[in-house]
Each structure stands twice: as C-alpha cells, then as structure tokens.
Amino acid sequence: MRVALTELRRVARTALLHYGYNDEESETILDVLLYAQLRGNNQGIAKLIGRGMPKDPAAGQISIEKETKLSALINGNKNPGMVVLKKATQIALDKAQEHGFGIAGTFNTHTSTGAIGYYARKLAERGFIGFVFAGSPASVCTYGSYERVFGTNPIAVGLPSETDPVVLDMATAAMAWYGLVEAKAAGKPIPDHTAYDSQGHLTTDPAEAMEGAVLPFDRSYKGAGLSMIIEMLTGPLVTASFVGIGDARGNWGNLVFAIDPELLTDGQAFKKNVSKLVERVQSTKKLPGVKEILVPGERGDKLTRQRLGVGEMEIEDNLYMELKKVIGEK
C-alpha cells in the first residue's frame, strides 16, 4: 500500500510513545527509523512490530564511565541504542573538532542502534570521516558452523565529498535480523543460501531462520572473520556482551570514531578528490544490461529524494497493518 509520509510518521511516533519513550526520545528514534525506511533499508519501522522495542523500565541516566581528550566510554544505562549512539556520535565529533580525532564506545544499551549509516553520514556531512560499528545479540554463525555466535554486526563508513557523502552501510550477515522480520510479516521466503534452521539445514523460511542462524554476508571465512573483528570491537573493547557471554539482550555495544581529514591532507582537497574518485567509478564501462554504476549510499539517496518529493511511499501491507495494531488502530 502507499502511505503518506506524514501518516507514517504519526503512526510510528505513536507506537514509540506507546512503548514508553518520552517526546525527545521518540523524535530521536523516529529520525533514525525513517532515515532507514526512506532508503529502503530494513532497519526501519519493522523494528516496531512483533516484540517491538519497548523502553526498559530500568533505564537511567546516560553517563561517561571513562574519558580522555580523545575518547569516551559511555554507559547507556539501559537506554535505547539509537539515543545512546546519537550522544556517542556527538561526543566523538566534538573531540575530533578540537583534536582531529575522537572515539566513543558504548555499552549497556537496551535496543538496536538502527541503520548505522545514519550516524556515519552525520559525521561526513560535517566534513569528518566517520566509522561506526554495532554489536547485537547472536544470530549469525561462523564459517563451517550452523550455531549462532555473532550478531549481524554492521559496519558503516562515511566520507565527505563535494556533493552527497559517500556512505557504506552493511551488515556482515547475509541478511539483517529485521530482514527476517519483514519477510515473516510479509509471508515471503528469504533468498537461498542465506540461513540455516536449528538443525543445520539450509532454509528459505524466515521463521526457521530465526530459530537457526544466518550465514556471513559472503558465505565464506572472509565475512565470518570481519564479523568476528566487529564482535571484538563492540564487545570486549567497550565492555559489552559478546558471543553469548554477558547479557546479550540488555548490554549491546557500539563503537564510533571521527577523523578530521586535515590530520593528513587539506580538507577541501580531500572532498574534491573523493568526488573525482566517485565520478571515475561511475564512468567505468558497463556490462550488458547495466544502466548505471552506483557508489555506496547513492541508491538510498536517490530513493529518499524521490519519496520525499512525492510525500508518500510504498509499504508492505502486512507490515503496516502490524504497526497499526501496536497503537490499537485498524
């Protein structure tokens, strides 16, 4: 169905208030969710259906546990990941603006941080190179196993250019958890060779995949190795849970750092050369049937502009009906 963006915002915001968030928290979370939804990223409103993301009643004050002029370790104190990572991103940015580099880690967050390209893009829009890593409860197997051990463990990198930032945002899993949620809600199968069931058999049933494990994104030891590295950066480094050790549901970890290009080069020249690189990649010879060469983030940028331009977007019927159920509407 086609839904007006104003109506989608109303329904999603009402759901967040229903889950116990205050006005400021709801706006922060909504901004991240709609960023994903507009880009066709499955880290959007699917997070609000099923078990949803209710606020932890034990949530307290976000605090800095350890700090230097370049770094900060942030205790999310059971607050939602999107609120905590927004604060961490601002702290990393503040330190990079003063010292050229800033790094912030978070632990003890209660929910997903959403599409982490959102935070990397914020840094790139300010002229900084942004790296963001996110941990999550185990749902992905390592190479050669069918037992879940890693989170979907996404990585995002944002670089400024003379036009739109270049933003890579990818899970190290063959499918993000909320891709399974969306497929289940729509009654659709997932692609072949994406997940195992609980007995180690390949499955295209999202419900069976939820009980089993998702494969690494490239189905090889390389993807598994990258996922493991991110598990280390978002677990042991920031004192959060990892590989099933600790409170996987209530102690998610994240890491963000911001780099000023001026540490190594002229900032404006860097942006200019990033744009030149983008233009060169886009101008490469196309294979038969290929209409255009896209760089990281470009497809989402185009889709967002198109949807904002018409003020509405297509949403899977079952997904939207499930969202309206959350707020008691039909």
C-alpha atoms as a PDB file:
ATOM      1  CA  MET A   1       0.000   0.000   0.000  1.00  0.00           C
ATOM      2  CA  ARG A   2       1.024   3.604  -0.488  1.00  0.00           C
ATOM      3  CA  VAL A   3       1.236   5.621   2.719  1.00  0.00           C
ATOM      4  CA  ALA A   4       1.678   9.370   3.144  1.00  0.00           C
ATOM      5  CA  LEU A   5       4.907  10.173   4.953  1.00  0.00           C
ATOM      6  CA  THR A   6       3.046  12.404   7.401  1.00  0.00           C
ATOM      7  CA  GLU A   7       0.771   9.493   8.318  1.00  0.00           C
ATOM      8  CA  LEU A   8       3.686   7.069   8.596  1.00  0.00           C
ATOM      9  CA  ARG A   9       5.435   9.477  10.943  1.00  0.00           C
ATOM     10  CA  ARG A  10       2.290   9.838  13.059  1.00  0.00           C
ATOM     11  CA  VAL A  11       1.734   6.096  13.404  1.00  0.00           C
ATOM     12  CA  ALA A  12       5.401   5.312  14.128  1.00  0.00           C
ATOM     13  CA  ARG A  13       5.693   8.141  16.661  1.00  0.00           C
ATOM     14  CA  THR A  14       2.512   6.987  18.416  1.00  0.00           C
ATOM     15  CA  ALA A  15       3.966   3.466  18.591  1.00  0.00           C
ATOM     16  CA  LEU A  16       7.138   4.804  20.221  1.00  0.00           C
ATOM     17  CA  LEU A  17       5.113   6.710  22.801  1.00  0.00           C
ATOM     18  CA  HIS A  18       3.126   3.507  23.373  1.00  0.00           C
ATOM     19  CA  TYR A  19       6.417   1.707  24.074  1.00  0.00           C
ATOM     20  CA  GLY A  20       7.166   4.179  26.859  1.00  0.00           C
ATOM     21  CA  TYR A  21       9.540   6.713  25.304  1.00  0.00           C
ATOM     22  CA  ASN A  22       9.216  10.404  26.041  1.00  0.00           C
ATOM     23  CA  ASP A  23       8.809  13.038  23.311  1.00  0.00           C
ATOM     24  CA  GLU A  24      12.541  13.726  22.895  1.00  0.00           C
ATOM     25  CA  GLU A  25      13.489  10.040  22.801  1.00  0.00           C
ATOM     26  CA  SER A  26      10.668   9.301  20.357  1.00  0.00           C
ATOM     27  CA  GLU A  27      11.826  12.016  17.957  1.00  0.00           C
ATOM     28  CA  THR A  28      15.426  10.770  18.073  1.00  0.00           C
ATOM     29  CA  ILE A  29      14.415   7.155  17.401  1.00  0.00           C
ATOM     30  CA  LEU A  30      11.875   8.160  14.759  1.00  0.00           C
ATOM     31  CA  ASP A  31      14.501  10.153  12.867  1.00  0.00           C
ATOM     32  CA  VAL A  32      16.758   7.085  12.644  1.00  0.00           C
ATOM     33  CA  LEU A  33      13.910   4.717  11.716  1.00  0.00           C
ATOM     34  CA  LEU A  34      12.586   6.964   8.948  1.00  0.00           C
ATOM     35  CA  TYR A  35      16.095   7.520   7.599  1.00  0.00           C
ATOM     36  CA  ALA A  36      16.230   3.765   7.046  1.00  0.00           C
ATOM     37  CA  GLN A  37      12.652   3.407   5.796  1.00  0.00           C
ATOM     38  CA  LEU A  38      13.036   6.114   3.162  1.00  0.00           C
ATOM     39  CA  ARG A  39      16.211   4.468   1.883  1.00  0.00           C
ATOM     40  CA  GLY A  40      14.665   1.019   1.550  1.00  0.00           C
ATOM     41  CA  ASN A  41      16.773  -0.236   4.458  1.00  0.00           C
ATOM     42  CA  ASN A  42      15.137  -2.933   6.615  1.00  0.00           C
ATOM     43  CA  GLN A  43      16.229  -1.154   9.812  1.00  0.00           C
ATOM     44  CA  GLY A  44      13.076   0.972   9.671  1.00  0.00           C
ATOM     45  CA  ILE A  45       9.580   0.557  11.071  1.00  0.00           C
ATOM     46  CA  ALA A  46       9.916  -3.243  11.134  1.00  0.00           C
ATOM     47  CA  LYS A  47      11.629  -2.673  14.477  1.00  0.00           C
ATOM     48  CA  LEU A  48       8.313  -1.565  15.953  1.00  0.00           C
ATOM     49  CA  ILE A  49       6.320  -4.728  15.220  1.00  0.00           C
ATOM     50  CA  GLY A  50       6.441  -8.202  16.774  1.00  0.00           C
ATOM     51  CA  ARG A  51       8.078  -7.906  20.162  1.00  0.00           C
ATOM     52  CA  GLY A  52       8.853  -4.309  19.201  1.00  0.00           C
ATOM     53  CA  MET A  53      11.285  -2.215  21.201  1.00  0.00           C
ATOM     54  CA  PRO A  54       9.651  -1.227  24.496  1.00  0.00           C
ATOM     55  CA  LYS A  55      11.609   1.059  26.768  1.00  0.00           C
ATOM     56  CA  ASP A  56      13.401  -0.728  29.577  1.00  0.00           C
ATOM     57  CA  PRO A  57      11.747   0.294  32.857  1.00  0.00           C
ATOM     58  CA  ALA A  58      15.194   0.136  34.464  1.00  0.00           C
ATOM     59  CA  ALA A  59      16.610   2.829  32.140  1.00  0.00           C
ATOM     60  CA  GLY A  60      18.537   5.534  33.978  1.00  0.00           C
ATOM     61  CA  GLN A  61      20.871   8.416  33.213  1.00  0.00           C
ATOM     62  CA  ILE A  62      23.369   8.002  30.373  1.00  0.00           C
ATOM     63  CA  SER A  63      26.840   8.549  31.839  1.00  0.00           C
ATOM     64  CA  ILE A  64      30.503   8.674  30.811  1.00  0.00           C
ATOM     65  CA  GLU A  65      32.487   5.995  32.653  1.00  0.00           C
ATOM     66  CA  LYS A  66      35.947   6.833  31.314  1.00  0.00           C
ATOM     67  CA  GLU A  67      37.174   9.820  29.325  1.00  0.00           C
ATOM     68  CA  THR A  68      40.302  11.333  27.795  1.00  0.00           C
ATOM     69  CA  LYS A  69      40.703  14.267  25.423  1.00  0.00           C
ATOM     70  CA  LEU A  70      40.300  11.825  22.510  1.00  0.00           C
ATOM     71  CA  SER A  71      37.954   9.191  23.886  1.00  0.00           C
ATOM     72  CA  ALA A  72      34.875   8.402  25.949  1.00  0.00           C
ATOM     73  CA  LEU A  73      33.344   5.168  27.216  1.00  0.00           C
ATOM     74  CA  ILE A  74      29.608   5.666  27.650  1.00  0.00           C
ATOM     75  CA  ASN A  75      27.291   3.685  29.906  1.00  0.00           C
ATOM     76  CA  GLY A  76      23.912   3.663  28.147  1.00  0.00           C
ATOM     77  CA  ASN A  77      22.278   2.566  31.407  1.00  0.00           C
ATOM     78  CA  LYS A  78      19.582   0.510  29.604  1.00  0.00           C
ATOM     79  CA  ASN A  79      18.553   3.364  27.306  1.00  0.00           C
ATOM     80  CA  PRO A  80      17.694   2.677  23.635  1.00  0.00           C
ATOM     81  CA  GLY A  81      20.690   2.235  21.377  1.00  0.00           C
ATOM     82  CA  MET A  82      19.640   4.995  18.975  1.00  0.00           C
ATOM     83  CA  VAL A  83      19.560   7.594  21.741  1.00  0.00           C
ATOM     84  CA  VAL A  84      22.882   6.452  23.194  1.00  0.00           C
ATOM     85  CA  LEU A  85      24.722   6.224  19.862  1.00  0.00           C
ATOM     86  CA  LYS A  86      23.496   9.678  18.870  1.00  0.00           C
ATOM     87  CA  LYS A  87      25.138  11.019  22.036  1.00  0.00           C
ATOM     88  CA  ALA A  88      28.301   8.995  21.367  1.00  0.00           C
ATOM     89  CA  THR A  89      28.497  10.322  17.809  1.00  0.00           C
ATOM     90  CA  GLN A  90      28.237  13.905  19.061  1.00  0.00           C
ATOM     91  CA  ILE A  91      30.976  13.303  21.635  1.00  0.00           C
ATOM     92  CA  ALA A  92      33.282  11.772  19.013  1.00  0.00           C
ATOM     93  CA  LEU A  93      32.563  14.738  16.729  1.00  0.00           C
ATOM     94  CA  ASP A  94      33.269  17.287  19.473  1.00  0.00           C
ATOM     95  CA  LYS A  95      36.622  15.665  20.234  1.00  0.00           C
ATOM     96  CA  ALA A  96      37.550  15.435  16.549  1.00  0.00           C
ATOM     97  CA  GLN A  97      36.706  19.102  16.039  1.00  0.00           C
ATOM     98  CA  GLU A  98      39.090  20.024  18.861  1.00  0.00           C
ATOM     99  CA  HIS A  99      41.840  17.434  18.448  1.00  0.00           C
ATOM    100  CA  GLY A 100      41.430  15.960  14.966  1.00  0.00           C
ATOM    101  CA  PHE A 101      40.266  12.576  16.210  1.00  0.00           C
ATOM    102  CA  GLY A 102      37.547  11.338  18.517  1.00  0.00           C
ATOM    103  CA  ILE A 103      36.450   7.869  19.560  1.00  0.00           C
ATOM    104  CA  ALA A 104      33.479   6.827  21.685  1.00  0.00           C
ATOM    105  CA  GLY A 105      32.347   3.398  22.775  1.00  0.00           C
ATOM    106  CA  THR A 106      29.017   2.498  24.330  1.00  0.00           C
ATOM    107  CA  PHE A 107      27.807  -0.403  26.437  1.00  0.00           C
ATOM    108  CA  ASN A 108      24.728  -1.319  28.436  1.00  0.00           C
ATOM    109  CA  THR A 109      22.303  -0.192  25.730  1.00  0.00           C
ATOM    110  CA  HIS A 110      18.936  -1.902  25.522  1.00  0.00           C
ATOM    111  CA  THR A 111      17.973  -1.977  21.836  1.00  0.00           C
ATOM    112  CA  SER A 112      19.332  -1.813  18.310  1.00  0.00           C
ATOM    113  CA  THR A 113      21.058   1.345  17.085  1.00  0.00           C
ATOM    114  CA  GLY A 114      19.198   1.102  13.770  1.00  0.00           C
ATOM    115  CA  ALA A 115      20.786   1.920  10.406  1.00  0.00           C
ATOM    116  CA  ILE A 116      24.270   2.953  11.488  1.00  0.00           C
ATOM    117  CA  GLY A 117      24.866   4.733   8.195  1.00  0.00           C
ATOM    118  CA  TYR A 118      22.718   7.448   9.774  1.00  0.00           C
ATOM    119  CA  TYR A 119      25.499   8.272  12.261  1.00  0.00           C
ATOM    120  CA  ALA A 120      28.365   7.874   9.770  1.00  0.00           C
ATOM    121  CA  ARG A 121      26.525  10.228   7.422  1.00  0.00           C
ATOM    122  CA  LYS A 122      26.096  12.846  10.174  1.00  0.00           C
ATOM    123  CA  LEU A 123      29.875  12.887  10.650  1.00  0.00           C
ATOM    124  CA  ALA A 124      30.574  13.045   6.918  1.00  0.00           C
ATOM    125  CA  GLU A 125      28.133  15.933   6.491  1.00  0.00           C
ATOM    126  CA  ARG A 126      30.272  17.861   8.991  1.00  0.00           C
ATOM    127  CA  GLY A 127      33.422  17.174   6.961  1.00  0.00           C
ATOM    128  CA  PHE A 128      34.750  14.263   9.005  1.00  0.00           C
ATOM    129  CA  ILE A 129      35.419  10.637   8.155  1.00  0.00           C
ATOM    130  CA  GLY A 130      33.129   8.511  10.301  1.00  0.00           C
ATOM    131  CA  PHE A 131      33.411   4.854  11.258  1.00  0.00           C
ATOM    132  CA  VAL A 132      30.573   3.165  13.145  1.00  0.00           C
ATOM    133  CA  PHE A 133      30.366  -0.441  14.364  1.00  0.00           C
ATOM    134  CA  ALA A 134      27.405  -2.082  16.073  1.00  0.00           C
ATOM    135  CA  GLY A 135      27.124  -5.282  18.080  1.00  0.00           C
ATOM    136  CA  SER A 136      23.905  -7.213  18.642  1.00  0.00           C
ATOM    137  CA  PRO A 137      22.595 -10.479  20.115  1.00  0.00           C
ATOM    138  CA  ALA A 138      23.833 -13.646  18.401  1.00  0.00           C
ATOM    139  CA  SER A 139      22.014 -14.602  15.198  1.00  0.00           C
ATOM    140  CA  VAL A 140      24.875 -15.361  12.776  1.00  0.00           C
ATOM    141  CA  CYS A 141      27.078 -18.440  12.502  1.00  0.00           C
ATOM    142  CA  THR A 142      30.779 -18.512  11.765  1.00  0.00           C
ATOM    143  CA  TYR A 143      32.182 -20.253   8.693  1.00  0.00           C
ATOM    144  CA  GLY A 144      31.906 -24.031   8.955  1.00  0.00           C
ATOM    145  CA  SER A 145      29.267 -23.962  11.712  1.00  0.00           C
ATOM    146  CA  TYR A 146      25.480 -23.649  11.914  1.00  0.00           C
ATOM    147  CA  GLU A 147      25.415 -22.432  15.536  1.00  0.00           C
ATOM    148  CA  ARG A 148      24.631 -18.748  16.057  1.00  0.00           C
ATOM    149  CA  VAL A 149      27.571 -16.982  17.688  1.00  0.00           C
ATOM    150  CA  PHE A 150      27.905 -13.421  16.257  1.00  0.00           C
ATOM    151  CA  GLY A 151      25.461 -10.581  15.901  1.00  0.00           C
ATOM    152  CA  THR A 152      24.639  -9.237  12.441  1.00  0.00           C
ATOM    153  CA  ASN A 153      27.471  -6.819  13.303  1.00  0.00           C
ATOM    154  CA  PRO A 154      27.144  -3.997  10.763  1.00  0.00           C
ATOM    155  CA  ILE A 155      29.835  -1.526   9.795  1.00  0.00           C
ATOM    156  CA  ALA A 156      29.283   1.944   8.360  1.00  0.00           C
ATOM    157  CA  VAL A 157      31.846   4.348   6.914  1.00  0.00           C
ATOM    158  CA  GLY A 158      31.038   7.889   5.850  1.00  0.00           C
ATOM    159  CA  LEU A 159      33.304  10.159   3.800  1.00  0.00           C
ATOM    160  CA  PRO A 160      32.631  13.783   2.837  1.00  0.00           C
ATOM    161  CA  SER A 161      32.627  14.851  -0.786  1.00  0.00           C
ATOM    162  CA  GLU A 162      31.717  17.995  -2.705  1.00  0.00           C
ATOM    163  CA  THR A 163      28.131  16.706  -3.020  1.00  0.00           C
ATOM    164  CA  ASP A 164      26.443  13.873  -1.114  1.00  0.00           C
ATOM    165  CA  PRO A 165      28.622  11.999   1.376  1.00  0.00           C
ATOM    166  CA  VAL A 166      29.759   8.526   0.360  1.00  0.00           C
ATOM    167  CA  VAL A 167      28.289   6.181   2.973  1.00  0.00           C
ATOM    168  CA  LEU A 168      28.874   2.446   3.108  1.00  0.00           C
ATOM    169  CA  ASP A 169      26.447   0.742   5.495  1.00  0.00           C
ATOM    170  CA  MET A 170      26.413  -3.050   5.539  1.00  0.00           C
ATOM    171  CA  ALA A 171      25.695  -5.927   7.854  1.00  0.00           C
ATOM    172  CA  THR A 172      28.350  -8.620   7.979  1.00  0.00           C
ATOM    173  CA  ALA A 173      25.470 -11.117   7.814  1.00  0.00           C
ATOM    174  CA  ALA A 174      23.783 -12.397   4.635  1.00  0.00           C
ATOM    175  CA  MET A 175      20.594 -10.771   5.947  1.00  0.00           C
ATOM    176  CA  ALA A 176      19.940  -8.432   8.842  1.00  0.00           C
ATOM    177  CA  TRP A 177      17.641  -9.712  11.600  1.00  0.00           C
ATOM    178  CA  TYR A 178      14.924  -7.267  10.645  1.00  0.00           C
ATOM    179  CA  GLY A 179      15.098  -8.549   7.094  1.00  0.00           C
ATOM    180  CA  LEU A 180      13.863 -11.837   8.560  1.00  0.00           C
ATOM    181  CA  VAL A 181      11.189  -9.937  10.499  1.00  0.00           C
ATOM    182  CA  GLU A 182       9.995  -8.183   7.332  1.00  0.00           C
ATOM    183  CA  ALA A 183       9.948 -11.427   5.344  1.00  0.00           C
ATOM    184  CA  LYS A 184       8.000 -13.231   8.056  1.00  0.00           C
ATOM    185  CA  ALA A 185       5.469 -10.389   8.317  1.00  0.00           C
ATOM    186  CA  ALA A 186       5.015 -10.401   4.523  1.00  0.00           C
ATOM    187  CA  GLY A 187       4.739 -14.196   4.360  1.00  0.00           C
ATOM    188  CA  LYS A 188       7.633 -14.313   1.903  1.00  0.00           C
ATOM    189  CA  PRO A 189      10.655 -16.641   1.720  1.00  0.00           C
ATOM    190  CA  ILE A 190      14.201 -15.402   2.184  1.00  0.00           C
ATOM    191  CA  PRO A 191      16.807 -15.943  -0.564  1.00  0.00           C
ATOM    192  CA  ASP A 192      18.525 -19.300  -0.964  1.00  0.00           C
ATOM    193  CA  HIS A 193      21.738 -19.926   0.955  1.00  0.00           C
ATOM    194  CA  THR A 194      21.019 -17.172   3.468  1.00  0.00           C
ATOM    195  CA  ALA A 195      20.307 -19.095   6.686  1.00  0.00           C
ATOM    196  CA  TYR A 196      20.285 -22.473   8.432  1.00  0.00           C
ATOM    197  CA  ASP A 197      17.479 -23.887  10.530  1.00  0.00           C
ATOM    198  CA  SER A 198      18.181 -25.116  14.061  1.00  0.00           C
ATOM    199  CA  GLN A 199      19.345 -28.497  12.719  1.00  0.00           C
ATOM    200  CA  GLY A 200      21.893 -27.059  10.296  1.00  0.00           C
ATOM    201  CA  HIS A 201      19.841 -27.399   7.118  1.00  0.00           C
ATOM    202  CA  LEU A 202      19.648 -24.505   4.676  1.00  0.00           C
ATOM    203  CA  THR A 203      16.214 -22.877   4.761  1.00  0.00           C
ATOM    204  CA  THR A 204      14.250 -20.179   2.972  1.00  0.00           C
ATOM    205  CA  ASP A 205      11.665 -19.977   5.777  1.00  0.00           C
ATOM    206  CA  PRO A 206      12.299 -16.795   7.848  1.00  0.00           C
ATOM    207  CA  ALA A 207      10.682 -18.350  10.931  1.00  0.00           C
ATOM    208  CA  GLU A 208      13.047 -21.342  10.736  1.00  0.00           C
ATOM    209  CA  ALA A 209      15.984 -18.988  10.180  1.00  0.00           C
ATOM    210  CA  MET A 210      15.074 -17.119  13.361  1.00  0.00           C
ATOM    211  CA  GLU A 211      15.445 -20.378  15.263  1.00  0.00           C
ATOM    212  CA  GLY A 212      18.671 -21.225  13.451  1.00  0.00           C
ATOM    213  CA  ALA A 213      21.435 -18.943  12.208  1.00  0.00           C
ATOM    214  CA  VAL A 214      22.100 -16.521   9.355  1.00  0.00           C
ATOM    215  CA  LEU A 215      25.250 -17.016   7.264  1.00  0.00           C
ATOM    216  CA  PRO A 216      28.035 -14.409   6.907  1.00  0.00           C
ATOM    217  CA  PHE A 217      27.329 -11.944   4.092  1.00  0.00           C
ATOM    218  CA  ASP A 218      29.713 -13.600   1.597  1.00  0.00           C
ATOM    219  CA  ARG A 219      29.054 -17.139   2.867  1.00  0.00           C
ATOM    220  CA  SER A 220      32.812 -17.538   3.435  1.00  0.00           C
ATOM    221  CA  TYR A 221      35.576 -17.289   6.015  1.00  0.00           C
ATOM    222  CA  LYS A 222      36.220 -13.668   4.979  1.00  0.00           C
ATOM    223  CA  GLY A 223      32.788 -12.457   6.054  1.00  0.00           C
ATOM    224  CA  ALA A 224      32.988 -14.545   9.221  1.00  0.00           C
ATOM    225  CA  GLY A 225      36.381 -13.030  10.021  1.00  0.00           C
ATOM    226  CA  LEU A 226      35.101  -9.465   9.578  1.00  0.00           C
ATOM    227  CA  SER A 227      32.076 -10.238  11.758  1.00  0.00           C
ATOM    228  CA  MET A 228      34.379 -11.603  14.464  1.00  0.00           C
ATOM    229  CA  ILE A 229      36.534  -8.460  14.417  1.00  0.00           C
ATOM    230  CA  ILE A 230      33.446  -6.262  14.823  1.00  0.00           C
ATOM    231  CA  GLU A 231      32.309  -8.528  17.675  1.00  0.00           C
ATOM    232  CA  MET A 232      35.621  -7.785  19.405  1.00  0.00           C
ATOM    233  CA  LEU A 233      35.338  -4.033  18.830  1.00  0.00           C
ATOM    234  CA  THR A 234      31.744  -3.848  20.088  1.00  0.00           C
ATOM    235  CA  GLY A 235      32.140  -6.372  22.910  1.00  0.00           C
ATOM    236  CA  PRO A 236      35.456  -6.702  24.777  1.00  0.00           C
ATOM    237  CA  LEU A 237      36.729  -3.231  23.789  1.00  0.00           C
ATOM    238  CA  VAL A 238      33.665  -1.397  25.121  1.00  0.00           C
ATOM    239  CA  THR A 239      32.886  -3.851  27.978  1.00  0.00           C
ATOM    240  CA  ALA A 240      29.625  -5.031  26.361  1.00  0.00           C
ATOM    241  CA  SER A 241      28.371  -8.595  25.866  1.00  0.00           C
ATOM    242  CA  PHE A 242      29.895 -10.759  23.122  1.00  0.00           C
ATOM    243  CA  VAL A 243      29.469 -14.237  21.572  1.00  0.00           C
ATOM    244  CA  GLY A 244      26.827 -15.166  24.099  1.00  0.00           C
ATOM    245  CA  ILE A 245      28.932 -14.013  27.059  1.00  0.00           C
ATOM    246  CA  GLY A 246      27.144 -11.498  29.256  1.00  0.00           C
ATOM    247  CA  ASP A 247      23.670 -10.014  28.898  1.00  0.00           C
ATOM    248  CA  ALA A 248      23.199 -10.242  25.115  1.00  0.00           C
ATOM    249  CA  ARG A 249      19.689  -8.749  25.252  1.00  0.00           C
ATOM    250  CA  GLY A 250      20.437  -5.847  27.558  1.00  0.00           C
ATOM    251  CA  ASN A 251      24.106  -4.957  27.073  1.00  0.00           C
ATOM    252  CA  TRP A 252      24.641  -4.177  23.411  1.00  0.00           C
ATOM    253  CA  GLY A 253      27.893  -2.440  22.461  1.00  0.00           C
ATOM    254  CA  ASN A 254      28.811   0.109  19.799  1.00  0.00           C
ATOM    255  CA  LEU A 255      31.878   1.990  18.651  1.00  0.00           C
ATOM    256  CA  VAL A 256      32.194   5.222  16.684  1.00  0.00           C
ATOM    257  CA  PHE A 257      35.143   7.325  15.705  1.00  0.00           C
ATOM    258  CA  ALA A 258      35.546  10.554  13.790  1.00  0.00           C
ATOM    259  CA  ILE A 259      38.644  11.610  11.870  1.00  0.00           C
ATOM    260  CA  ASP A 260      39.450  15.068  10.568  1.00  0.00           C
ATOM    261  CA  PRO A 261      40.987  14.712   7.069  1.00  0.00           C
ATOM    262  CA  GLU A 262      43.125  17.734   7.946  1.00  0.00           C
ATOM    263  CA  LEU A 263      45.307  15.392  10.011  1.00  0.00           C
ATOM    264  CA  LEU A 264      46.775  14.156   6.732  1.00  0.00           C
ATOM    265  CA  THR A 265      45.748  16.490   3.930  1.00  0.00           C
ATOM    266  CA  ASP A 266      43.864  19.638   3.005  1.00  0.00           C
ATOM    267  CA  GLY A 267      40.206  19.039   3.863  1.00  0.00           C
ATOM    268  CA  GLN A 268      38.772  20.732   0.784  1.00  0.00           C
ATOM    269  CA  ALA A 269      41.210  18.959  -1.496  1.00  0.00           C
ATOM    270  CA  PHE A 270      40.159  15.675   0.086  1.00  0.00           C
ATOM    271  CA  LYS A 271      36.485  16.337  -0.654  1.00  0.00           C
ATOM    272  CA  LYS A 272      37.355  17.318  -4.229  1.00  0.00           C
ATOM    273  CA  ASN A 273      39.364  14.160  -4.777  1.00  0.00           C
ATOM    274  CA  VAL A 274      36.678  11.948  -3.251  1.00  0.00           C
ATOM    275  CA  SER A 275      34.261  13.449  -5.772  1.00  0.00           C
ATOM    276  CA  LYS A 276      36.748  12.816  -8.583  1.00  0.00           C
ATOM    277  CA  LEU A 277      37.053   9.197  -7.491  1.00  0.00           C
ATOM    278  CA  VAL A 278      33.270   8.808  -7.427  1.00  0.00           C
ATOM    279  CA  GLU A 279      32.980  10.270 -10.943  1.00  0.00           C
ATOM    280  CA  ARG A 280      35.691   7.930 -12.240  1.00  0.00           C
ATOM    281  CA  VAL A 281      33.988   4.854 -10.766  1.00  0.00           C
ATOM    282  CA  GLN A 282      30.612   5.886 -12.168  1.00  0.00           C
ATOM    283  CA  SER A 283      32.108   6.381 -15.627  1.00  0.00           C
ATOM    284  CA  THR A 284      33.609   2.900 -15.899  1.00  0.00           C
ATOM    285  CA  LYS A 285      32.488   0.650 -18.759  1.00  0.00           C
ATOM    286  CA  LYS A 286      29.168  -1.031 -18.051  1.00  0.00           C
ATOM    287  CA  LEU A 287      28.331  -4.676 -18.545  1.00  0.00           C
ATOM    288  CA  PRO A 288      25.381  -5.512 -20.816  1.00  0.00           C
ATOM    289  CA  GLY A 289      22.075  -4.656 -19.164  1.00  0.00           C
ATOM    290  CA  VAL A 290      23.626  -2.315 -16.581  1.00  0.00           C
ATOM    291  CA  LYS A 291      22.098   1.161 -16.757  1.00  0.00           C
ATOM    292  CA  GLU A 292      24.257   2.938 -14.188  1.00  0.00           C
ATOM    293  CA  ILE A 293      27.128   2.364 -11.782  1.00  0.00           C
ATOM    294  CA  LEU A 294      26.233   3.281  -8.219  1.00  0.00           C
ATOM    295  CA  VAL A 295      28.584   4.059  -5.323  1.00  0.00           C
ATOM    296  CA  PRO A 296      27.837   3.331  -1.640  1.00  0.00           C
ATOM    297  CA  GLY A 297      24.809   5.237  -0.396  1.00  0.00           C
ATOM    298  CA  GLU A 298      23.772   6.572  -3.795  1.00  0.00           C
ATOM    299  CA  ARG A 299      20.790   4.277  -4.333  1.00  0.00           C
ATOM    300  CA  GLY A 300      19.390   5.208  -0.905  1.00  0.00           C
ATOM    301  CA  ASP A 301      19.961   8.913  -1.534  1.00  0.00           C
ATOM    302  CA  LYS A 302      18.018   8.763  -4.808  1.00  0.00           C
ATOM    303  CA  LEU A 303      15.188   6.767  -3.275  1.00  0.00           C
ATOM    304  CA  THR A 304      14.932   9.174  -0.337  1.00  0.00           C
ATOM    305  CA  ARG A 305      14.753  12.231  -2.586  1.00  0.00           C
ATOM    306  CA  GLN A 306      12.102  10.573  -4.748  1.00  0.00           C
ATOM    307  CA  ARG A 307       9.929   9.627  -1.776  1.00  0.00           C
ATOM    308  CA  LEU A 308      10.275  12.995  -0.092  1.00  0.00           C
ATOM    309  CA  GLY A 309       9.400  14.641  -3.388  1.00  0.00           C
ATOM    310  CA  VAL A 310       6.032  12.879  -3.686  1.00  0.00           C
ATOM    311  CA  GLY A 311       5.388  12.803   0.070  1.00  0.00           C
ATOM    312  CA  GLU A 312       4.497   9.114   0.196  1.00  0.00           C
ATOM    313  CA  MET A 313       5.988   5.643  -0.158  1.00  0.00           C
ATOM    314  CA  GLU A 314       5.060   2.012  -0.731  1.00  0.00           C
ATOM    315  CA  ILE A 315       4.941  -0.185   2.383  1.00  0.00           C
ATOM    316  CA  GLU A 316       4.228  -3.897   2.629  1.00  0.00           C
ATOM    317  CA  ASP A 317       0.556  -4.270   3.633  1.00  0.00           C
ATOM    318  CA  ASN A 318       1.117  -6.769   6.463  1.00  0.00           C
ATOM    319  CA  LEU A 319       3.980  -4.738   7.897  1.00  0.00           C
ATOM    320  CA  TYR A 320       1.917  -1.553   8.070  1.00  0.00           C
ATOM    321  CA  MET A 321      -1.126  -3.360   9.486  1.00  0.00           C
ATOM    322  CA  GLU A 322       1.061  -4.896  12.203  1.00  0.00           C
ATOM    323  CA  LEU A 323       2.419  -1.439  13.020  1.00  0.00           C
ATOM    324  CA  LYS A 324      -1.105  -0.016  13.328  1.00  0.00           C
ATOM    325  CA  LYS A 325      -2.036  -2.887  15.635  1.00  0.00           C
ATOM    326  CA  VAL A 326       0.649  -1.681  18.039  1.00  0.00           C
ATOM    327  CA  ILE A 327      -1.276   1.566  18.529  1.00  0.00           C
ATOM    328  CA  GLY A 328      -4.699  -0.072  18.507  1.00  0.00           C
ATOM    329  CA  GLU A 329      -5.762   1.037  15.027  1.00  0.00           C
ATOM    330  CA  LYS A 330      -7.057  -0.977  12.069  1.00  0.00           C
END
